[in-house]
PDB file of N, CA and C in Angstrom:
ATOM      1  N   MET A   1     -16.729  -5.591 -16.289  1.00  0.00           N
ATOM      2  CA  MET A   1     -17.012  -4.390 -15.516  1.00  0.00           C
ATOM      3  C   MET A   1     -16.460  -4.508 -14.092  1.00  0.00           C
ATOM      4  N   GLN A   2     -16.588  -5.677 -13.483  1.00  0.00           N
ATOM      5  CA  GLN A   2     -16.107  -5.876 -12.124  1.00  0.00           C
ATOM      6  C   GLN A   2     -14.605  -5.592 -12.029  1.00  0.00           C
ATOM      7  N   THR A   3     -13.838  -6.030 -13.023  1.00  0.00           N
ATOM      8  CA  THR A   3     -12.394  -5.835 -12.986  1.00  0.00           C
ATOM      9  C   THR A   3     -12.032  -4.360 -13.079  1.00  0.00           C
ATOM     10  N   LYS A   4     -12.807  -3.571 -13.808  1.00  0.00           N
ATOM     11  CA  LYS A   4     -12.553  -2.132 -13.874  1.00  0.00           C
ATOM     12  C   LYS A   4     -12.696  -1.495 -12.497  1.00  0.00           C
ATOM     13  N   LYS A   5     -13.671  -1.947 -11.732  1.00  0.00           N
ATOM     14  CA  LYS A   5     -13.849  -1.429 -10.378  1.00  0.00           C
ATOM     15  C   LYS A   5     -12.702  -1.882  -9.484  1.00  0.00           C
ATOM     16  N   GLN A   6     -12.237  -3.106  -9.710  1.00  0.00           N
ATOM     17  CA  GLN A   6     -11.126  -3.622  -8.916  1.00  0.00           C
ATOM     18  C   GLN A   6      -9.842  -2.842  -9.184  1.00  0.00           C
ATOM     19  N   MET A   7      -9.707  -2.295 -10.386  1.00  0.00           N
ATOM     20  CA  MET A   7      -8.501  -1.548 -10.729  1.00  0.00           C
ATOM     21  C   MET A   7      -8.287  -0.373  -9.785  1.00  0.00           C
ATOM     22  N   ILE A   8      -9.358   0.280  -9.380  1.00  0.00           N
ATOM     23  CA  ILE A   8      -9.246   1.386  -8.423  1.00  0.00           C
ATOM     24  C   ILE A   8      -8.625   0.875  -7.129  1.00  0.00           C
ATOM     25  N   LEU A   9      -9.065  -0.295  -6.692  1.00  0.00           N
ATOM     26  CA  LEU A   9      -8.514  -0.875  -5.470  1.00  0.00           C
ATOM     27  C   LEU A   9      -7.064  -1.290  -5.655  1.00  0.00           C
ATOM     28  N   TRP A  10      -6.716  -1.782  -6.838  1.00  0.00           N
ATOM     29  CA  TRP A  10      -5.318  -2.140  -7.105  1.00  0.00           C
ATOM     30  C   TRP A  10      -4.432  -0.905  -7.019  1.00  0.00           C
ATOM     31  N   VAL A  11      -4.869   0.192  -7.642  1.00  0.00           N
ATOM     32  CA  VAL A  11      -4.098   1.440  -7.592  1.00  0.00           C
ATOM     33  C   VAL A  11      -3.922   1.873  -6.136  1.00  0.00           C
ATOM     34  N   LEU A  12      -4.992   1.859  -5.374  1.00  0.00           N
ATOM     35  CA  LEU A  12      -4.941   2.247  -3.968  1.00  0.00           C
ATOM     36  C   LEU A  12      -3.984   1.348  -3.189  1.00  0.00           C
ATOM     37  N   ASN A  13      -4.092   0.049  -3.379  1.00  0.00           N
ATOM     38  CA  ASN A  13      -3.246  -0.895  -2.652  1.00  0.00           C
ATOM     39  C   ASN A  13      -1.774  -0.723  -3.015  1.00  0.00           C
ATOM     40  N   ILE A  14      -1.482  -0.565  -4.291  1.00  0.00           N
ATOM     41  CA  ILE A  14      -0.089  -0.389  -4.720  1.00  0.00           C
ATOM     42  C   ILE A  14       0.490   0.890  -4.130  1.00  0.00           C
ATOM     43  N   LEU A  15      -0.259   1.974  -4.195  1.00  0.00           N
ATOM     44  CA  LEU A  15       0.227   3.229  -3.616  1.00  0.00           C
ATOM     45  C   LEU A  15       0.432   3.097  -2.111  1.00  0.00           C
ATOM     46  N   ASN A  16      -0.440   2.374  -1.452  1.00  0.00           N
ATOM     47  CA  ASN A  16      -0.360   2.228  -0.005  1.00  0.00           C
ATOM     48  C   ASN A  16       0.792   1.328   0.424  1.00  0.00           C
ATOM     49  N   THR A  17       1.078   0.280  -0.345  1.00  0.00           N
ATOM     50  CA  THR A  17       2.099  -0.677   0.084  1.00  0.00           C
ATOM     51  C   THR A  17       3.451  -0.494  -0.580  1.00  0.00           C
ATOM     52  N   ASP A  18       3.495   0.078  -1.775  1.00  0.00           N
ATOM     53  CA  ASP A  18       4.746   0.116  -2.536  1.00  0.00           C
ATOM     54  C   ASP A  18       5.296   1.517  -2.764  1.00  0.00           C
ATOM     55  N   SER A  19       4.744   2.516  -2.092  1.00  0.00           N
ATOM     56  CA  SER A  19       5.249   3.877  -2.288  1.00  0.00           C
ATOM     57  C   SER A  19       5.305   4.615  -0.961  1.00  0.00           C
ATOM     58  N   ASP A  20       6.197   5.579  -0.909  1.00  0.00           N
ATOM     59  CA  ASP A  20       6.238   6.549   0.177  1.00  0.00           C
ATOM     60  C   ASP A  20       6.960   7.779  -0.351  1.00  0.00           C
ATOM     61  N   LYS A  21       7.210   8.747   0.503  1.00  0.00           N
ATOM     62  CA  LYS A  21       7.796  10.008   0.053  1.00  0.00           C
ATOM     63  C   LYS A  21       9.145   9.796  -0.639  1.00  0.00           C
ATOM     64  N   GLN A  22       9.936   8.863  -0.134  1.00  0.00           N
ATOM     65  CA  GLN A  22      11.245   8.595  -0.721  1.00  0.00           C
ATOM     66  C   GLN A  22      11.174   7.661  -1.932  1.00  0.00           C
ATOM     67  N   HIS A  23      10.051   6.978  -2.105  1.00  0.00           N
ATOM     68  CA  HIS A  23       9.907   6.001  -3.184  1.00  0.00           C
ATOM     69  C   HIS A  23       8.572   6.170  -3.911  1.00  0.00           C
ATOM     70  N   PRO A  24       8.384   7.306  -4.589  1.00  0.00           N
ATOM     71  CA  PRO A  24       7.130   7.473  -5.340  1.00  0.00           C
ATOM     72  C   PRO A  24       7.100   6.513  -6.526  1.00  0.00           C
ATOM     73  N   ILE A  25       5.920   6.268  -7.038  1.00  0.00           N
ATOM     74  CA  ILE A  25       5.765   5.378  -8.187  1.00  0.00           C
ATOM     75  C   ILE A  25       5.084   6.155  -9.315  1.00  0.00           C
ATOM     76  N   THR A  26       5.558   5.977 -10.515  1.00  0.00           N
ATOM     77  CA  THR A  26       5.021   6.716 -11.657  1.00  0.00           C
ATOM     78  C   THR A  26       3.744   6.065 -12.170  1.00  0.00           C
ATOM     79  N   GLN A  27       3.023   6.817 -12.992  1.00  0.00           N
ATOM     80  CA  GLN A  27       1.839   6.244 -13.645  1.00  0.00           C
ATOM     81  C   GLN A  27       2.247   5.049 -14.491  1.00  0.00           C
ATOM     82  N   THR A  28       3.373   5.156 -15.180  1.00  0.00           N
ATOM     83  CA  THR A  28       3.855   4.045 -16.001  1.00  0.00           C
ATOM     84  C   THR A  28       4.164   2.835 -15.129  1.00  0.00           C
ATOM     85  N   GLY A  29       4.782   3.068 -13.975  1.00  0.00           N
ATOM     86  CA  GLY A  29       5.073   1.977 -13.049  1.00  0.00           C
ATOM     87  C   GLY A  29       3.805   1.301 -12.557  1.00  0.00           C
ATOM     88  N   LEU A  30       2.811   2.101 -12.182  1.00  0.00           N
ATOM     89  CA  LEU A  30       1.518   1.548 -11.766  1.00  0.00           C
ATOM     90  C   LEU A  30       0.882   0.754 -12.898  1.00  0.00           C
ATOM     91  N   THR A  31       0.952   1.301 -14.104  1.00  0.00           N
ATOM     92  CA  THR A  31       0.354   0.639 -15.265  1.00  0.00           C
ATOM     93  C   THR A  31       1.004  -0.714 -15.512  1.00  0.00           C
ATOM     94  N   LYS A  32       2.331  -0.781 -15.409  1.00  0.00           N
ATOM     95  CA  LYS A  32       3.036  -2.051 -15.630  1.00  0.00           C
ATOM     96  C   LYS A  32       2.632  -3.098 -14.600  1.00  0.00           C
ATOM     97  N   ILE A  33       2.532  -2.686 -13.346  1.00  0.00           N
ATOM     98  CA  ILE A  33       2.151  -3.629 -12.287  1.00  0.00           C
ATOM     99  C   ILE A  33       0.738  -4.153 -12.526  1.00  0.00           C
ATOM    100  N   ILE A  34      -0.192  -3.253 -12.784  1.00  0.00           N
ATOM    101  CA  ILE A  34      -1.590  -3.645 -12.974  1.00  0.00           C
ATOM    102  C   ILE A  34      -1.759  -4.452 -14.251  1.00  0.00           C
ATOM    103  N   SER A  35      -0.999  -4.111 -15.292  1.00  0.00           N
ATOM    104  CA  SER A  35      -1.122  -4.823 -16.569  1.00  0.00           C
ATOM    105  C   SER A  35      -0.768  -6.297 -16.442  1.00  0.00           C
ATOM    106  N   GLY A  36      -0.040  -6.654 -15.401  1.00  0.00           N
ATOM    107  CA  GLY A  36       0.240  -8.064 -15.151  1.00  0.00           C
ATOM    108  C   GLY A  36      -1.003  -8.837 -14.763  1.00  0.00           C
ATOM    109  N   VAL A  37      -2.039  -8.126 -14.324  1.00  0.00           N
ATOM    110  CA  VAL A  37      -3.294  -8.748 -13.899  1.00  0.00           C
ATOM    111  C   VAL A  37      -4.433  -8.426 -14.855  1.00  0.00           C
ATOM    112  N   TYR A  38      -4.458  -7.185 -15.321  1.00  0.00           N
ATOM    113  CA  TYR A  38      -5.558  -6.718 -16.156  1.00  0.00           C
ATOM    114  C   TYR A  38      -5.035  -5.652 -17.113  1.00  0.00           C
ATOM    115  N   PRO A  39      -5.363  -5.750 -18.395  1.00  0.00           N
ATOM    116  CA  PRO A  39      -4.878  -4.744 -19.346  1.00  0.00           C
ATOM    117  C   PRO A  39      -5.388  -3.344 -18.986  1.00  0.00           C
ATOM    118  N   CYS A  40      -4.473  -2.394 -18.945  1.00  0.00           N
ATOM    119  CA  CYS A  40      -4.862  -1.009 -18.670  1.00  0.00           C
ATOM    120  C   CYS A  40      -3.843  -0.075 -19.307  1.00  0.00           C
ATOM    121  N   ASP A  41      -4.157   1.202 -19.298  1.00  0.00           N
ATOM    122  CA  ASP A  41      -3.230   2.190 -19.835  1.00  0.00           C
ATOM    123  C   ASP A  41      -3.020   3.306 -18.812  1.00  0.00           C
ATOM    124  N   ARG A  42      -2.067   4.188 -19.114  1.00  0.00           N
ATOM    125  CA  ARG A  42      -1.735   5.269 -18.188  1.00  0.00           C
ATOM    126  C   ARG A  42      -2.908   6.199 -17.928  1.00  0.00           C
ATOM    127  N   LYS A  43      -3.724   6.452 -18.941  1.00  0.00           N
ATOM    128  CA  LYS A  43      -4.867   7.354 -18.764  1.00  0.00           C
ATOM    129  C   LYS A  43      -5.861   6.787 -17.757  1.00  0.00           C
ATOM    130  N   THR A  44      -6.070   5.482 -17.815  1.00  0.00           N
ATOM    131  CA  THR A  44      -6.977   4.837 -16.866  1.00  0.00           C
ATOM    132  C   THR A  44      -6.421   4.952 -15.453  1.00  0.00           C
ATOM    133  N   VAL A  45      -5.127   4.705 -15.303  1.00  0.00           N
ATOM    134  CA  VAL A  45      -4.486   4.839 -13.994  1.00  0.00           C
ATOM    135  C   VAL A  45      -4.618   6.279 -13.497  1.00  0.00           C
ATOM    136  N   CYS A  46      -4.408   7.246 -14.387  1.00  0.00           N
ATOM    137  CA  CYS A  46      -4.536   8.664 -14.027  1.00  0.00           C
ATOM    138  C   CYS A  46      -5.948   8.981 -13.541  1.00  0.00           C
ATOM    139  N   ARG A  47      -6.953   8.479 -14.238  1.00  0.00           N
ATOM    140  CA  ARG A  47      -8.345   8.712 -13.819  1.00  0.00           C
ATOM    141  C   ARG A  47      -8.607   8.100 -12.445  1.00  0.00           C
ATOM    142  N   ASN A  48      -8.064   6.906 -12.207  1.00  0.00           N
ATOM    143  CA  ASN A  48      -8.261   6.258 -10.915  1.00  0.00           C
ATOM    144  C   ASN A  48      -7.584   7.035  -9.792  1.00  0.00           C
ATOM    145  N   ILE A  49      -6.385   7.541 -10.042  1.00  0.00           N
ATOM    146  CA  ILE A  49      -5.699   8.357  -9.036  1.00  0.00           C
ATOM    147  C   ILE A  49      -6.509   9.616  -8.746  1.00  0.00           C
ATOM    148  N   LYS A  50      -6.988  10.265  -9.790  1.00  0.00           N
ATOM    149  CA  LYS A  50      -7.798  11.478  -9.622  1.00  0.00           C
ATOM    150  C   LYS A  50      -9.048  11.180  -8.795  1.00  0.00           C
ATOM    151  N   TYR A  51      -9.718  10.071  -9.089  1.00  0.00           N
ATOM    152  CA  TYR A  51     -10.919   9.683  -8.351  1.00  0.00           C
ATOM    153  C   TYR A  51     -10.584   9.438  -6.875  1.00  0.00           C
ATOM    154  N   LEU A  52      -9.495   8.710  -6.613  1.00  0.00           N
ATOM    155  CA  LEU A  52      -9.107   8.429  -5.232  1.00  0.00           C
ATOM    156  C   LEU A  52      -8.787   9.717  -4.472  1.00  0.00           C
ATOM    157  N   LYS A  53      -8.122  10.664  -5.132  1.00  0.00           N
ATOM    158  CA  LYS A  53      -7.830  11.948  -4.491  1.00  0.00           C
ATOM    159  C   LYS A  53      -9.122  12.694  -4.175  1.00  0.00           C
ATOM    160  N   GLU A  54     -10.080  12.657  -5.102  1.00  0.00           N
ATOM    161  CA  GLU A  54     -11.374  13.310  -4.870  1.00  0.00           C
ATOM    162  C   GLU A  54     -12.112  12.670  -3.698  1.00  0.00           C
ATOM    163  N   MET A  55     -11.890  11.377  -3.478  1.00  0.00           N
ATOM    164  CA  MET A  55     -12.525  10.669  -2.366  1.00  0.00           C
ATOM    165  C   MET A  55     -11.814  10.935  -1.035  1.00  0.00           C
ATOM    166  N   GLY A  56     -10.724  11.685  -1.071  1.00  0.00           N
ATOM    167  CA  GLY A  56     -10.056  12.075   0.163  1.00  0.00           C
ATOM    168  C   GLY A  56      -8.797  11.302   0.510  1.00  0.00           C
ATOM    169  N   TYR A  57      -8.353  10.402  -0.351  1.00  0.00           N
ATOM    170  CA  TYR A  57      -7.127   9.666  -0.063  1.00  0.00           C
ATOM    171  C   TYR A  57      -5.931  10.607  -0.210  1.00  0.00           C
ATOM    172  N   PRO A  58      -4.973  10.537   0.727  1.00  0.00           N
ATOM    173  CA  PRO A  58      -3.842  11.476   0.724  1.00  0.00           C
ATOM    174  C   PRO A  58      -2.754  11.083  -0.283  1.00  0.00           C
ATOM    175  N   ILE A  59      -3.093  11.149  -1.558  1.00  0.00           N
ATOM    176  CA  ILE A  59      -2.151  10.809  -2.622  1.00  0.00           C
ATOM    177  C   ILE A  59      -1.447  12.093  -3.045  1.00  0.00           C
ATOM    178  N   VAL A  60      -0.128  12.045  -3.033  1.00  0.00           N
ATOM    179  CA  VAL A  60       0.683  13.210  -3.365  1.00  0.00           C
ATOM    180  C   VAL A  60       1.365  12.967  -4.704  1.00  0.00           C
ATOM    181  N   LYS A  61       1.353  13.999  -5.552  1.00  0.00           N
ATOM    182  CA  LYS A  61       2.041  13.932  -6.841  1.00  0.00           C
ATOM    183  C   LYS A  61       3.330  14.737  -6.743  1.00  0.00           C
ATOM    184  N   THR A  62       4.429  14.135  -7.169  1.00  0.00           N
ATOM    185  CA  THR A  62       5.711  14.826  -7.229  1.00  0.00           C
ATOM    186  C   THR A  62       6.252  14.720  -8.653  1.00  0.00           C
ATOM    187  N   SER A  63       7.392  15.317  -8.882  1.00  0.00           N
ATOM    188  CA  SER A  63       8.000  15.218 -10.212  1.00  0.00           C
ATOM    189  C   SER A  63       8.468  13.796 -10.511  1.00  0.00           C
ATOM    190  N   LYS A  64       8.591  12.964  -9.470  1.00  0.00           N
ATOM    191  CA  LYS A  64       9.058  11.585  -9.650  1.00  0.00           C
ATOM    192  C   LYS A  64       7.938  10.559  -9.599  1.00  0.00           C
ATOM    193  N   GLY A  65       6.716  10.981  -9.339  1.00  0.00           N
ATOM    194  CA  GLY A  65       5.600  10.043  -9.294  1.00  0.00           C
ATOM    195  C   GLY A  65       4.622  10.357  -8.180  1.00  0.00           C
ATOM    196  N   PHE A  66       3.906   9.332  -7.764  1.00  0.00           N
ATOM    197  CA  PHE A  66       2.866   9.464  -6.743  1.00  0.00           C
ATOM    198  C   PHE A  66       3.221   8.615  -5.529  1.00  0.00           C
ATOM    199  N   TYR A  67       2.703   9.037  -4.379  1.00  0.00           N
ATOM    200  CA  TYR A  67       2.821   8.211  -3.182  1.00  0.00           C
ATOM    201  C   TYR A  67       1.663   8.521  -2.247  1.00  0.00           C
ATOM    202  N   MET A  68       1.403   7.577  -1.352  1.00  0.00           N
ATOM    203  CA  MET A  68       0.383   7.750  -0.330  1.00  0.00           C
ATOM    204  C   MET A  68       1.058   8.438   0.850  1.00  0.00           C
ATOM    205  N   ASP A  69       0.529   9.576   1.264  1.00  0.00           N
ATOM    206  CA  ASP A  69       1.174  10.402   2.278  1.00  0.00           C
ATOM    207  C   ASP A  69       1.104   9.820   3.679  1.00  0.00           C
ATOM    208  N   LYS A  70       0.053   9.121   4.009  1.00  0.00           N
ATOM    209  CA  LYS A  70      -0.101   8.612   5.368  1.00  0.00           C
ATOM    210  C   LYS A  70      -0.188   7.094   5.338  1.00  0.00           C
ATOM    211  N   LYS A  71       0.494   6.477   6.280  1.00  0.00           N
ATOM    212  CA  LYS A  71       0.441   5.031   6.436  1.00  0.00           C
ATOM    213  C   LYS A  71      -0.300   4.730   7.734  1.00  0.00           C
ATOM    214  N   LEU A  72      -0.804   3.518   7.856  1.00  0.00           N
ATOM    215  CA  LEU A  72      -1.507   3.123   9.068  1.00  0.00           C
ATOM    216  C   LEU A  72      -0.569   3.172  10.274  1.00  0.00           C
ATOM    217  N   PHE A  73       0.642   2.638  10.103  1.00  0.00           N
ATOM    218  CA  PHE A  73       1.655   2.654  11.163  1.00  0.00           C
ATOM    219  C   PHE A  73       2.990   3.072  10.562  1.00  0.00           C
ATOM    220  N   SER A  74       3.795   3.776  11.343  1.00  0.00           N
ATOM    221  CA  SER A  74       5.171   4.031  10.916  1.00  0.00           C
ATOM    222  C   SER A  74       5.968   2.751  11.146  1.00  0.00           C
ATOM    223  N   VAL A  75       7.166   2.690  10.602  1.00  0.00           N
ATOM    224  CA  VAL A  75       8.017   1.517  10.802  1.00  0.00           C
ATOM    225  C   VAL A  75       8.311   1.339  12.286  1.00  0.00           C
ATOM    226  N   GLU A  76       8.622   2.429  12.965  1.00  0.00           N
ATOM    227  CA  GLU A  76       8.946   2.360  14.387  1.00  0.00           C
ATOM    228  C   GLU A  76       7.755   1.876  15.212  1.00  0.00           C
ATOM    229  N   GLU A  77       6.570   2.364  14.900  1.00  0.00           N
ATOM    230  CA  GLU A  77       5.370   1.929  15.623  1.00  0.00           C
ATOM    231  C   GLU A  77       5.099   0.450  15.386  1.00  0.00           C
ATOM    232  N   THR A  78       5.278   0.010  14.162  1.00  0.00           N
ATOM    233  CA  THR A  78       5.047  -1.400  13.848  1.00  0.00           C
ATOM    234  C   THR A  78       6.043  -2.278  14.586  1.00  0.00           C
ATOM    235  N   GLU A  79       7.317  -1.887  14.599  1.00  0.00           N
ATOM    236  CA  GLU A  79       8.333  -2.660  15.321  1.00  0.00           C
ATOM    237  C   GLU A  79       8.012  -2.722  16.816  1.00  0.00           C
ATOM    238  N   PHE A  80       7.530  -1.623  17.377  1.00  0.00           N
ATOM    239  CA  PHE A  80       7.159  -1.599  18.791  1.00  0.00           C
ATOM    240  C   PHE A  80       6.045  -2.609  19.075  1.00  0.00           C
ATOM    241  N   VAL A  81       5.017  -2.598  18.239  1.00  0.00           N
ATOM    242  CA  VAL A  81       3.885  -3.508  18.436  1.00  0.00           C
ATOM    243  C   VAL A  81       4.331  -4.960  18.253  1.00  0.00           C
ATOM    244  N   ILE A  82       5.164  -5.223  17.258  1.00  0.00           N
ATOM    245  CA  ILE A  82       5.654  -6.590  17.032  1.00  0.00           C
ATOM    246  C   ILE A  82       6.441  -7.078  18.243  1.00  0.00           C
ATOM    247  N   ASN A  83       7.310  -6.234  18.784  1.00  0.00           N
ATOM    248  CA  ASN A  83       8.071  -6.619  19.979  1.00  0.00           C
ATOM    249  C   ASN A  83       7.151  -6.866  21.165  1.00  0.00           C
ATOM    250  N   ALA A  84       6.110  -6.060  21.298  1.00  0.00           N
ATOM    251  CA  ALA A  84       5.145  -6.256  22.384  1.00  0.00           C
ATOM    252  C   ALA A  84       4.410  -7.580  22.221  1.00  0.00           C
ATOM    253  N   VAL A  85       4.035  -7.915  20.997  1.00  0.00           N
ATOM    254  CA  VAL A  85       3.348  -9.189  20.746  1.00  0.00           C
ATOM    255  C   VAL A  85       4.277 -10.347  21.082  1.00  0.00           C
ATOM    256  N   ARG A  86       5.522 -10.268  20.643  1.00  0.00           N
ATOM    257  CA  ARG A  86       6.479 -11.365  20.894  1.00  0.00           C
ATOM    258  C   ARG A  86       6.718 -11.588  22.379  1.00  0.00           C
ATOM    259  N   SER A  87       6.712 -10.532  23.179  1.00  0.00           N
ATOM    260  CA  SER A  87       7.010 -10.678  24.601  1.00  0.00           C
ATOM    261  C   SER A  87       5.766 -10.891  25.465  1.00  0.00           C
ATOM    262  N   SER A  88       4.606 -10.920  24.850  1.00  0.00           N
ATOM    263  CA  SER A  88       3.368 -11.055  25.627  1.00  0.00           C
ATOM    264  C   SER A  88       3.090 -12.506  26.002  1.00  0.00           C
ATOM    265  N   ASN A  89       2.255 -12.653  27.016  1.00  0.00           N
ATOM    266  CA  ASN A  89       1.795 -13.972  27.451  1.00  0.00           C
ATOM    267  C   ASN A  89       0.357 -14.158  26.999  1.00  0.00           C
ATOM    268  N   GLY A  90      -0.119 -15.383  27.022  1.00  0.00           N
ATOM    269  CA  GLY A  90      -1.523 -15.633  26.725  1.00  0.00           C
ATOM    270  C   GLY A  90      -1.807 -16.099  25.313  1.00  0.00           C
ATOM    271  N   LYS A  91      -0.799 -16.108  24.458  1.00  0.00           N
ATOM    272  CA  LYS A  91      -0.964 -16.592  23.089  1.00  0.00           C
ATOM    273  C   LYS A  91       0.137 -17.601  22.800  1.00  0.00           C
ATOM    274  N   THR A  92      -0.172 -18.578  21.960  1.00  0.00           N
ATOM    275  CA  THR A  92       0.855 -19.534  21.546  1.00  0.00           C
ATOM    276  C   THR A  92       1.811 -18.850  20.577  1.00  0.00           C
ATOM    277  N   GLU A  93       2.951 -19.473  20.335  1.00  0.00           N
ATOM    278  CA  GLU A  93       3.912 -18.910  19.376  1.00  0.00           C
ATOM    279  C   GLU A  93       3.296 -18.817  17.983  1.00  0.00           C
ATOM    280  N   GLU A  94       2.498 -19.809  17.616  1.00  0.00           N
ATOM    281  CA  GLU A  94       1.825 -19.780  16.306  1.00  0.00           C
ATOM    282  C   GLU A  94       0.854 -18.604  16.218  1.00  0.00           C
ATOM    283  N   GLU A  95       0.086 -18.379  17.280  1.00  0.00           N
ATOM    284  CA  GLU A  95      -0.854 -17.255  17.290  1.00  0.00           C
ATOM    285  C   GLU A  95      -0.112 -15.922  17.223  1.00  0.00           C
ATOM    286  N   LYS A  96       1.005 -15.827  17.932  1.00  0.00           N
ATOM    287  CA  LYS A  96       1.804 -14.603  17.883  1.00  0.00           C
ATOM    288  C   LYS A  96       2.322 -14.349  16.473  1.00  0.00           C
ATOM    289  N   GLU A  97       2.807 -15.399  15.812  1.00  0.00           N
ATOM    290  CA  GLU A  97       3.320 -15.236  14.450  1.00  0.00           C
ATOM    291  C   GLU A  97       2.213 -14.819  13.486  1.00  0.00           C
ATOM    292  N   GLU A  98       1.014 -15.345  13.674  1.00  0.00           N
ATOM    293  CA  GLU A  98      -0.116 -14.950  12.823  1.00  0.00           C
ATOM    294  C   GLU A  98      -0.435 -13.467  13.016  1.00  0.00           C
ATOM    295  N   ILE A  99      -0.440 -13.020  14.256  1.00  0.00           N
ATOM    296  CA  ILE A  99      -0.691 -11.604  14.540  1.00  0.00           C
ATOM    297  C   ILE A  99       0.406 -10.740  13.916  1.00  0.00           C
ATOM    298  N   ILE A 100       1.649 -11.160  14.068  1.00  0.00           N
ATOM    299  CA  ILE A 100       2.776 -10.409  13.502  1.00  0.00           C
ATOM    300  C   ILE A 100       2.676 -10.353  11.985  1.00  0.00           C
ATOM    301  N   ASN A 101       2.328 -11.460  11.354  1.00  0.00           N
ATOM    302  CA  ASN A 101       2.178 -11.470   9.893  1.00  0.00           C
ATOM    303  C   ASN A 101       1.110 -10.486   9.441  1.00  0.00           C
ATOM    304  N   ARG A 102       0.017 -10.416  10.173  1.00  0.00           N
ATOM    305  CA  ARG A 102      -1.038  -9.466   9.810  1.00  0.00           C
ATOM    306  C   ARG A 102      -0.554  -8.027   9.987  1.00  0.00           C
ATOM    307  N   LEU A 103       0.201  -7.775  11.052  1.00  0.00           N
ATOM    308  CA  LEU A 103       0.757  -6.436  11.253  1.00  0.00           C
ATOM    309  C   LEU A 103       1.742  -6.070  10.149  1.00  0.00           C
ATOM    310  N   MET A 104       2.547  -7.034   9.736  1.00  0.00           N
ATOM    311  CA  MET A 104       3.549  -6.777   8.696  1.00  0.00           C
ATOM    312  C   MET A 104       2.902  -6.373   7.380  1.00  0.00           C
ATOM    313  N   ASN A 105       1.692  -6.824   7.135  1.00  0.00           N
ATOM    314  CA  ASN A 105       0.992  -6.445   5.912  1.00  0.00           C
ATOM    315  C   ASN A 105       0.698  -4.950   5.861  1.00  0.00           C
ATOM    316  N   HIS A 106       0.784  -4.279   7.004  1.00  0.00           N
ATOM    317  CA  HIS A 106       0.540  -2.838   7.043  1.00  0.00           C
ATOM    318  C   HIS A 106       1.799  -2.024   6.770  1.00  0.00           C
ATOM    319  N   LEU A 107       2.944  -2.696   6.753  1.00  0.00           N
ATOM    320  CA  LEU A 107       4.174  -2.003   6.388  1.00  0.00           C
ATOM    321  C   LEU A 107       4.275  -1.927   4.882  1.00  0.00           C
ATOM    322  N   THR A 108       4.923  -0.918   4.386  1.00  0.00           N
ATOM    323  CA  THR A 108       5.151  -0.879   2.947  1.00  0.00           C
ATOM    324  C   THR A 108       6.183  -1.926   2.595  1.00  0.00           C
ATOM    325  N   SER A 109       6.034  -2.527   1.432  1.00  0.00           N
ATOM    326  CA  SER A 109       6.954  -3.584   1.030  1.00  0.00           C
ATOM    327  C   SER A 109       8.373  -3.067   0.857  1.00  0.00           C
ATOM    328  N   ILE A 110       8.559  -1.789   0.570  1.00  0.00           N
ATOM    329  CA  ILE A 110       9.907  -1.256   0.384  1.00  0.00           C
ATOM    330  C   ILE A 110      10.655  -1.122   1.700  1.00  0.00           C
ATOM    331  N   LYS A 111       9.946  -1.184   2.839  1.00  0.00           N
ATOM    332  CA  LYS A 111      10.608  -1.055   4.134  1.00  0.00           C
ATOM    333  C   LYS A 111      10.740  -2.389   4.847  1.00  0.00           C
ATOM    334  N   ARG A 112      10.231  -3.456   4.272  1.00  0.00           N
ATOM    335  CA  ARG A 112      10.296  -4.767   4.932  1.00  0.00           C
ATOM    336  C   ARG A 112      11.679  -5.343   4.884  1.00  0.00           C
TER     337      ARG A 112
END
């Protein structure tokens, strides 16, 4: 039962990190990714997407698939913050790299 609940989070995470308007992901694509961790089918993925949309997540459906409409940071905003961290004082280089790594996790993997 716990893994079924986690599947909703997997769908959300995949849409958030691996999709955008130019790179939507299909239900079949989501199913293949999740099936590597937990057996599922397209209908289950569809139900999870529907539930997430009902909860207010900005998931958009197109003829080519689904994507998350809003990201935490745009690529330009993330690059600005990373440059600011690199040029700042008061943190060691290791601490700066840790902060940058955490920021990079907010970028979609297709733009890295």
